[in-house]
N, C-alpha and C. Protein backbone atom coordinates (compact mmCIF):
# COMPACT_ATOMS: atom_id res chain seq x y z
N MET A 1 24.66 -3.47 28.31
CA MET A 1 24.32 -2.67 27.13
C MET A 1 24.20 -3.63 26.04
N MET A 2 23.12 -3.56 25.25
CA MET A 2 22.83 -4.52 24.19
C MET A 2 23.15 -3.82 22.81
N ILE A 3 23.80 -4.50 21.93
CA ILE A 3 24.07 -4.00 20.59
C ILE A 3 22.90 -4.36 19.65
N ARG A 4 22.22 -3.52 19.03
CA ARG A 4 21.20 -3.80 18.05
C ARG A 4 21.78 -4.11 16.68
N ASP A 5 21.00 -4.85 15.97
CA ASP A 5 21.34 -5.21 14.57
C ASP A 5 21.72 -3.96 13.74
N GLU A 6 20.95 -2.90 13.96
CA GLU A 6 21.11 -1.71 13.15
C GLU A 6 22.42 -1.04 13.41
N ASP A 7 22.91 -1.12 14.70
CA ASP A 7 24.19 -0.64 15.09
C ASP A 7 25.28 -1.37 14.41
N ILE A 8 25.20 -2.69 14.32
CA ILE A 8 26.16 -3.49 13.66
C ILE A 8 26.19 -3.21 12.11
N ARG A 9 25.02 -3.00 11.53
CA ARG A 9 24.99 -2.66 10.09
C ARG A 9 25.72 -1.29 9.90
N MET A 10 25.47 -0.32 10.80
CA MET A 10 26.06 1.00 10.61
C MET A 10 27.56 0.92 10.70
N ILE A 11 28.06 0.11 11.73
CA ILE A 11 29.55 -0.02 11.85
C ILE A 11 30.11 -0.70 10.67
N LEU A 12 29.53 -1.76 10.12
CA LEU A 12 30.03 -2.45 8.93
C LEU A 12 30.04 -1.46 7.74
N LEU A 13 28.95 -0.70 7.57
CA LEU A 13 28.87 0.28 6.53
C LEU A 13 30.04 1.29 6.59
N ILE A 14 30.28 1.84 7.78
CA ILE A 14 31.35 2.77 8.00
C ILE A 14 32.69 2.13 7.65
N ILE A 15 32.92 0.90 7.96
CA ILE A 15 34.17 0.18 7.65
C ILE A 15 34.35 0.10 6.18
N VAL A 16 33.28 -0.32 5.46
CA VAL A 16 33.30 -0.40 4.06
C VAL A 16 33.56 0.96 3.34
N THR A 17 32.95 2.02 3.91
CA THR A 17 33.09 3.33 3.38
C THR A 17 34.53 3.86 3.60
N LEU A 18 35.18 3.51 4.75
CA LEU A 18 36.51 3.93 4.98
C LEU A 18 37.52 3.38 3.94
N PHE A 19 37.29 2.19 3.40
CA PHE A 19 38.15 1.58 2.38
C PHE A 19 37.86 2.12 0.99
N PHE A 20 36.59 2.31 0.68
CA PHE A 20 36.20 2.81 -0.64
C PHE A 20 34.80 3.46 -0.56
N PRO A 21 34.82 4.78 -0.47
CA PRO A 21 33.47 5.48 -0.33
C PRO A 21 32.32 5.08 -1.22
N PRO A 22 32.61 4.93 -2.49
CA PRO A 22 31.40 4.64 -3.33
C PRO A 22 30.82 3.20 -3.06
N ALA A 23 31.65 2.35 -2.43
CA ALA A 23 31.03 1.03 -2.11
C ALA A 23 30.01 1.16 -1.06
N GLY A 24 30.23 1.98 -0.06
CA GLY A 24 29.28 2.22 1.02
C GLY A 24 27.99 2.88 0.49
N ILE A 25 28.14 3.83 -0.52
CA ILE A 25 26.92 4.43 -1.08
C ILE A 25 26.20 3.46 -1.92
N LEU A 26 26.90 2.65 -2.59
CA LEU A 26 26.23 1.57 -3.44
C LEU A 26 25.40 0.68 -2.64
N LEU A 27 25.78 0.37 -1.41
CA LEU A 27 25.06 -0.56 -0.52
C LEU A 27 23.83 0.16 -0.01
N ILE A 28 23.77 1.44 0.18
CA ILE A 28 22.52 2.00 0.70
C ILE A 28 21.60 2.60 -0.39
N SER A 29 22.23 3.04 -1.50
CA SER A 29 21.35 3.70 -2.48
C SER A 29 21.21 2.94 -3.79
N GLY A 30 21.98 1.86 -3.97
CA GLY A 30 22.01 1.18 -5.29
C GLY A 30 22.66 2.01 -6.28
N CYS A 31 22.50 1.63 -7.56
CA CYS A 31 23.10 2.48 -8.65
C CYS A 31 22.24 3.72 -8.95
N SER A 32 22.56 4.81 -8.24
CA SER A 32 21.69 5.96 -8.41
C SER A 32 22.58 7.16 -8.67
N LEU A 33 21.99 8.32 -8.77
CA LEU A 33 22.66 9.58 -9.05
C LEU A 33 23.62 9.82 -7.86
N ASP A 34 23.19 9.50 -6.71
CA ASP A 34 24.10 9.76 -5.51
C ASP A 34 25.43 8.91 -5.59
N PHE A 35 25.20 7.68 -6.11
CA PHE A 35 26.37 6.82 -6.26
C PHE A 35 27.32 7.38 -7.29
N LEU A 36 26.80 7.83 -8.43
CA LEU A 36 27.64 8.37 -9.53
C LEU A 36 28.31 9.72 -9.01
N ILE A 37 27.56 10.46 -8.26
CA ILE A 37 28.26 11.73 -7.72
C ILE A 37 29.33 11.43 -6.78
N ASN A 38 29.17 10.36 -5.99
CA ASN A 38 30.20 9.95 -5.04
C ASN A 38 31.47 9.36 -5.79
N VAL A 39 31.20 8.62 -6.85
CA VAL A 39 32.37 8.12 -7.70
C VAL A 39 33.18 9.28 -8.21
N PHE A 40 32.43 10.29 -8.72
CA PHE A 40 33.13 11.50 -9.33
C PHE A 40 33.86 12.21 -8.23
N MET A 41 33.27 12.42 -7.05
CA MET A 41 33.91 13.16 -5.98
C MET A 41 35.14 12.41 -5.34
N THR A 42 35.08 11.01 -5.37
CA THR A 42 36.16 10.20 -4.95
C THR A 42 37.34 10.30 -6.01
N MET A 43 36.97 10.35 -7.22
CA MET A 43 38.03 10.55 -8.25
C MET A 43 38.77 11.91 -8.09
N LEU A 44 38.04 12.89 -7.61
CA LEU A 44 38.61 14.26 -7.33
C LEU A 44 39.61 14.20 -6.17
N GLY A 45 39.25 13.31 -5.32
CA GLY A 45 40.14 13.10 -4.11
C GLY A 45 39.30 12.35 -3.06
N TYR A 46 39.98 11.62 -2.28
CA TYR A 46 39.30 10.78 -1.26
C TYR A 46 38.49 11.67 -0.25
N ILE A 47 39.05 12.79 0.17
CA ILE A 47 38.38 13.53 1.15
C ILE A 47 37.00 14.06 0.73
N PRO A 48 36.75 14.61 -0.47
CA PRO A 48 35.48 14.93 -0.91
C PRO A 48 34.55 13.72 -1.01
N GLY A 49 35.07 12.53 -1.37
CA GLY A 49 34.26 11.37 -1.47
C GLY A 49 33.79 10.91 -0.01
N TYR A 50 34.74 11.03 0.96
CA TYR A 50 34.42 10.65 2.28
C TYR A 50 33.36 11.56 2.80
N ILE A 51 33.54 12.85 2.65
CA ILE A 51 32.53 13.82 3.17
C ILE A 51 31.14 13.52 2.63
N HIS A 52 31.10 13.38 1.32
CA HIS A 52 29.76 13.05 0.63
C HIS A 52 29.20 11.70 1.16
N ALA A 53 30.01 10.68 1.15
CA ALA A 53 29.53 9.36 1.61
C ALA A 53 29.07 9.41 3.06
N PHE A 54 29.78 10.05 4.00
CA PHE A 54 29.38 10.09 5.36
C PHE A 54 28.07 10.91 5.55
N TYR A 55 27.95 11.92 4.75
CA TYR A 55 26.73 12.78 4.86
C TYR A 55 25.52 11.93 4.40
N LEU A 56 25.65 11.22 3.27
CA LEU A 56 24.53 10.38 2.82
C LEU A 56 24.24 9.27 3.82
N GLU A 57 25.22 8.65 4.47
CA GLU A 57 25.03 7.68 5.43
C GLU A 57 24.34 8.23 6.60
N HIS A 58 24.69 9.47 7.06
CA HIS A 58 24.12 10.10 8.15
C HIS A 58 22.54 10.29 7.88
N VAL A 59 22.25 10.80 6.69
CA VAL A 59 20.87 11.03 6.34
C VAL A 59 20.11 9.68 6.29
N TYR A 60 20.68 8.64 5.76
CA TYR A 60 20.10 7.38 5.65
C TYR A 60 19.71 6.79 6.99
N PHE A 61 20.68 6.76 7.92
CA PHE A 61 20.34 6.23 9.27
C PHE A 61 19.47 7.16 10.11
N GLU A 62 19.67 8.45 9.93
CA GLU A 62 18.69 9.40 10.65
C GLU A 62 17.31 9.13 10.13
N ARG A 63 17.07 8.99 8.92
CA ARG A 63 15.69 8.76 8.37
C ARG A 63 15.13 7.41 8.85
N ARG A 64 15.96 6.40 9.05
CA ARG A 64 15.58 5.15 9.60
C ARG A 64 15.08 5.30 10.99
N ARG A 65 15.80 6.15 11.78
CA ARG A 65 15.33 6.36 13.11
C ARG A 65 14.08 7.17 13.19
N GLU A 66 13.91 8.09 12.29
CA GLU A 66 12.70 9.00 12.32
C GLU A 66 11.56 8.37 11.59
N SER A 67 11.56 7.10 11.29
CA SER A 67 10.48 6.54 10.51
C SER A 67 9.11 6.58 11.16
N ARG A 68 9.11 6.87 12.42
CA ARG A 68 7.81 7.05 13.13
C ARG A 68 7.12 8.38 12.78
N LEU A 69 7.88 9.34 12.30
CA LEU A 69 7.36 10.63 11.95
C LEU A 69 6.56 10.59 10.67
N LEU A 70 5.50 11.25 10.49
CA LEU A 70 4.72 11.29 9.28
C LEU A 70 5.23 12.23 8.29
N GLN A 71 5.75 13.40 8.67
CA GLN A 71 6.13 14.46 7.79
C GLN A 71 7.61 14.71 7.84
N ARG A 72 8.29 14.68 6.75
CA ARG A 72 9.72 14.93 6.63
C ARG A 72 9.99 15.79 5.46
N HIS A 73 11.05 16.58 5.57
CA HIS A 73 11.51 17.38 4.43
C HIS A 73 12.68 16.65 3.80
N ARG A 74 12.76 16.89 2.49
CA ARG A 74 13.90 16.33 1.73
C ARG A 74 15.25 16.86 2.33
N ALA A 75 16.26 15.98 2.42
CA ALA A 75 17.54 16.41 2.79
C ALA A 75 18.23 17.04 1.60
N PRO A 76 18.92 18.23 1.76
CA PRO A 76 19.47 18.87 0.62
C PRO A 76 20.73 18.02 0.03
N GLY A 77 20.74 17.96 -1.33
CA GLY A 77 21.85 17.29 -1.90
C GLY A 77 21.71 15.75 -2.05
N VAL A 78 20.58 15.25 -1.63
CA VAL A 78 20.45 13.78 -1.64
C VAL A 78 19.39 13.52 -2.71
N TYR A 79 19.73 12.73 -3.78
CA TYR A 79 18.84 12.44 -4.91
C TYR A 79 18.14 11.12 -4.86
N SER A 80 18.64 10.16 -4.05
CA SER A 80 18.08 8.84 -4.01
C SER A 80 16.91 8.81 -3.05
N ASP A 81 15.75 8.34 -3.51
CA ASP A 81 14.62 8.19 -2.60
C ASP A 81 14.88 7.14 -1.58
N ARG A 82 15.71 6.14 -1.88
CA ARG A 82 16.01 5.10 -0.95
C ARG A 82 16.69 5.66 0.27
N ILE A 83 17.63 6.65 0.08
CA ILE A 83 18.31 7.22 1.20
C ILE A 83 17.34 8.24 1.86
N GLN A 84 16.53 8.96 1.06
CA GLN A 84 15.62 9.88 1.71
C GLN A 84 14.58 9.24 2.65
N CYS A 85 14.21 7.99 2.32
CA CYS A 85 13.31 7.19 3.08
C CYS A 85 13.95 6.30 4.14
N GLY A 86 15.25 6.37 4.25
CA GLY A 86 15.86 5.44 5.16
C GLY A 86 15.79 3.98 4.84
N GLY A 87 15.72 3.69 3.55
CA GLY A 87 15.63 2.34 3.12
C GLY A 87 14.23 1.71 3.17
N ARG A 88 13.29 2.56 3.53
CA ARG A 88 11.91 2.04 3.57
C ARG A 88 11.33 2.13 2.11
N SER A 89 10.37 1.36 1.83
CA SER A 89 9.81 1.29 0.46
C SER A 89 8.98 2.54 0.24
N ARG A 90 8.42 3.11 1.27
CA ARG A 90 7.58 4.32 1.06
C ARG A 90 7.81 5.26 2.13
N CYS A 91 7.86 6.55 1.85
CA CYS A 91 8.03 7.49 2.95
C CYS A 91 7.09 8.78 2.69
N CYS A 92 6.64 9.26 3.65
CA CYS A 92 5.59 10.38 3.59
C CYS A 92 6.34 11.65 3.57
N GLY A 93 5.80 12.64 2.76
CA GLY A 93 6.28 13.97 2.82
C GLY A 93 7.59 14.28 2.02
N THR A 94 7.96 13.34 1.15
CA THR A 94 9.22 13.54 0.41
C THR A 94 8.98 13.69 -1.09
N THR A 95 7.74 13.90 -1.45
CA THR A 95 7.60 14.03 -2.90
C THR A 95 8.07 15.38 -3.40
N PRO A 96 8.77 15.45 -4.45
CA PRO A 96 9.37 16.73 -4.88
C PRO A 96 8.30 17.81 -5.31
């Protein structure tokens, strides 16, 4: 069984998120509204910050895997185009 680079990135991102959820979001979305929401949720308590961070990371990596598809719908509650597109510079079907 071969470990891909993307699997290693995902594991490292999860480890960073376990220590401080906003840091994981900062790595995938940059300084965006999603990052600020996660900082606020983490200040309310770590559990809401974890839930939000892992949801955004799930959307991000799922969109990276689905990059072959032409049409996608926006994931609810995700404001960063970078996460919506799975880190790609351009994605189809995600214009508001």
